[in-house]
Amino acid sequence: MMKRPISVTLIGWLFIVTGSVGLVYHTVGERHPFDGELIWIVLLRLLAIVGGGFLLRGRNWARWLLIAWMVYHVALSVFHSPFELVVHVVVLAAFAWLLFRPDASAYFRGARANP
């Protein structure tokens, strides 16, 4: 089996940690734990954790899920400050570049061939 590129490892763990921290923050730190938006927030945080975990396992669909997750955050950033929008666009571009480089693509093809 092909060795996982360090960029895939870092991005996978970044999503796992970010999703976990966000999940704890929004479920424990919220004043209204049964707010309707909380369900959506928890679902998005769980998607980040699951996507990061399966990214580490070399599942191709996970890199697409995490790119979609970032696209969603870029869309949300349109309603915030221009700086936040630029930061999210740069992070999305960096993640897309790192996850679709030839070495990363080969890793995802290799993981699919060797379940």
Protein backbone atom coordinates (compact mmCIF):
# COMPACT_ATOMS: atom_id res chain seq x y z
CA MET A 1 0.00 0.00 0.00
CA MET A 2 1.21 3.49 -0.84
CA LYS A 3 2.38 5.72 1.99
CA ARG A 4 -0.03 8.51 2.90
CA PRO A 5 1.25 11.98 1.89
CA ILE A 6 1.91 14.27 4.86
CA SER A 7 -0.50 16.86 3.41
CA VAL A 8 -3.36 14.33 3.54
CA THR A 9 -2.43 13.42 7.12
CA LEU A 10 -2.34 17.06 8.24
CA ILE A 11 -5.62 17.97 6.54
CA GLY A 12 -7.36 14.85 7.85
CA TRP A 13 -6.31 15.54 11.43
CA LEU A 14 -7.12 19.25 11.06
CA PHE A 15 -10.70 18.39 10.12
CA ILE A 16 -10.99 15.85 12.94
CA VAL A 17 -9.71 18.33 15.54
CA THR A 18 -11.66 21.29 14.15
CA GLY A 19 -14.86 19.24 13.97
CA SER A 20 -14.37 17.89 17.49
CA VAL A 21 -13.60 21.27 19.04
CA GLY A 22 -16.56 22.84 17.24
CA LEU A 23 -18.83 20.01 18.32
CA VAL A 24 -17.88 20.43 21.98
CA TYR A 25 -18.09 24.22 21.78
CA HIS A 26 -21.53 24.25 20.19
CA THR A 27 -23.05 21.48 22.31
CA VAL A 28 -21.55 22.32 25.71
CA GLY A 29 -20.99 26.06 25.35
CA GLU A 30 -24.33 27.05 23.82
CA ARG A 31 -26.94 28.67 26.01
CA HIS A 32 -29.87 27.15 24.11
CA PRO A 33 -28.82 23.55 23.44
CA PHE A 34 -32.06 22.63 21.64
CA ASP A 35 -32.03 25.51 19.19
CA GLY A 36 -33.00 24.47 15.67
CA GLU A 37 -29.69 25.64 14.25
CA LEU A 38 -27.80 23.40 16.67
CA ILE A 39 -28.86 20.27 14.80
CA TRP A 40 -27.43 21.69 11.56
CA ILE A 41 -24.22 22.77 13.30
CA VAL A 42 -23.75 19.35 14.94
CA LEU A 43 -24.34 17.60 11.60
CA LEU A 44 -21.72 19.79 9.90
CA ARG A 45 -19.19 19.17 12.67
CA LEU A 46 -19.80 15.42 12.50
CA LEU A 47 -19.28 15.54 8.72
CA ALA A 48 -15.90 17.21 9.31
CA ILE A 49 -14.89 14.48 11.78
CA VAL A 50 -16.09 11.62 9.57
CA GLY A 51 -14.55 13.19 6.47
CA GLY A 52 -11.21 13.66 8.21
CA GLY A 53 -11.21 10.10 9.48
CA PHE A 54 -11.98 8.57 6.13
CA LEU A 55 -9.50 10.91 4.44
CA LEU A 56 -6.83 9.29 6.60
CA ARG A 57 -8.09 5.90 5.42
CA GLY A 58 -7.63 6.97 1.80
CA ARG A 59 -11.26 7.15 0.74
CA ASN A 60 -11.66 9.29 -2.35
CA TRP A 61 -15.20 10.39 -1.45
CA ALA A 62 -13.85 11.88 1.78
CA ARG A 63 -11.67 14.42 -0.02
CA TRP A 64 -14.70 15.48 -2.06
CA LEU A 65 -16.78 15.73 1.11
CA LEU A 66 -14.19 17.95 2.78
CA ILE A 67 -13.88 20.19 -0.27
CA ALA A 68 -17.68 20.53 -0.29
CA TRP A 69 -17.51 21.33 3.44
CA MET A 70 -15.06 24.13 2.72
CA VAL A 71 -17.16 25.43 -0.20
CA TYR A 72 -20.09 25.66 2.21
CA HIS A 73 -17.94 27.70 4.59
CA VAL A 74 -16.89 29.99 1.76
CA ALA A 75 -20.58 30.51 0.95
CA LEU A 76 -21.28 31.34 4.61
CA SER A 77 -18.35 33.75 4.64
CA VAL A 78 -20.06 35.88 2.01
CA PHE A 79 -22.31 37.10 4.82
CA HIS A 80 -19.35 38.00 7.08
CA SER A 81 -16.38 40.31 6.75
CA PRO A 82 -14.39 40.48 3.50
CA PHE A 83 -11.33 39.29 5.44
CA GLU A 84 -13.12 36.14 6.59
CA LEU A 85 -14.25 35.46 3.02
CA VAL A 86 -10.70 35.84 1.70
CA VAL A 87 -9.29 33.56 4.42
CA HIS A 88 -11.84 30.83 3.65
CA VAL A 89 -11.21 31.10 -0.10
CA VAL A 90 -7.44 30.80 0.44
CA VAL A 91 -7.88 27.80 2.76
CA LEU A 92 -10.23 26.15 0.25
CA ALA A 93 -7.76 26.71 -2.59
CA ALA A 94 -4.86 25.35 -0.51
CA PHE A 95 -6.80 22.25 0.56
CA ALA A 96 -8.01 21.58 -2.98
CA TRP A 97 -4.48 21.95 -4.34
CA LEU A 98 -3.02 19.65 -1.67
CA LEU A 99 -5.73 17.01 -1.90
CA PHE A 100 -5.67 16.79 -5.70
CA ARG A 101 -1.94 16.86 -6.30
CA PRO A 102 -0.56 13.82 -8.15
CA ASP A 103 0.86 12.19 -4.99
CA ALA A 104 -2.43 12.58 -3.12
CA SER A 105 -4.45 11.33 -6.09
CA ALA A 106 -2.19 8.29 -6.34
CA TYR A 107 -2.72 7.62 -2.63
CA PHE A 108 -6.50 7.71 -3.02
CA ARG A 109 -6.36 5.44 -6.07
CA GLY A 110 -4.09 3.01 -4.18
CA ALA A 111 -6.37 2.89 -1.14
CA ARG A 112 -9.32 2.09 -3.38
CA ALA A 113 -7.42 -0.73 -5.05
CA ASN A 114 -6.37 -2.21 -1.68
CA PRO A 115 -9.39 -2.09 0.68
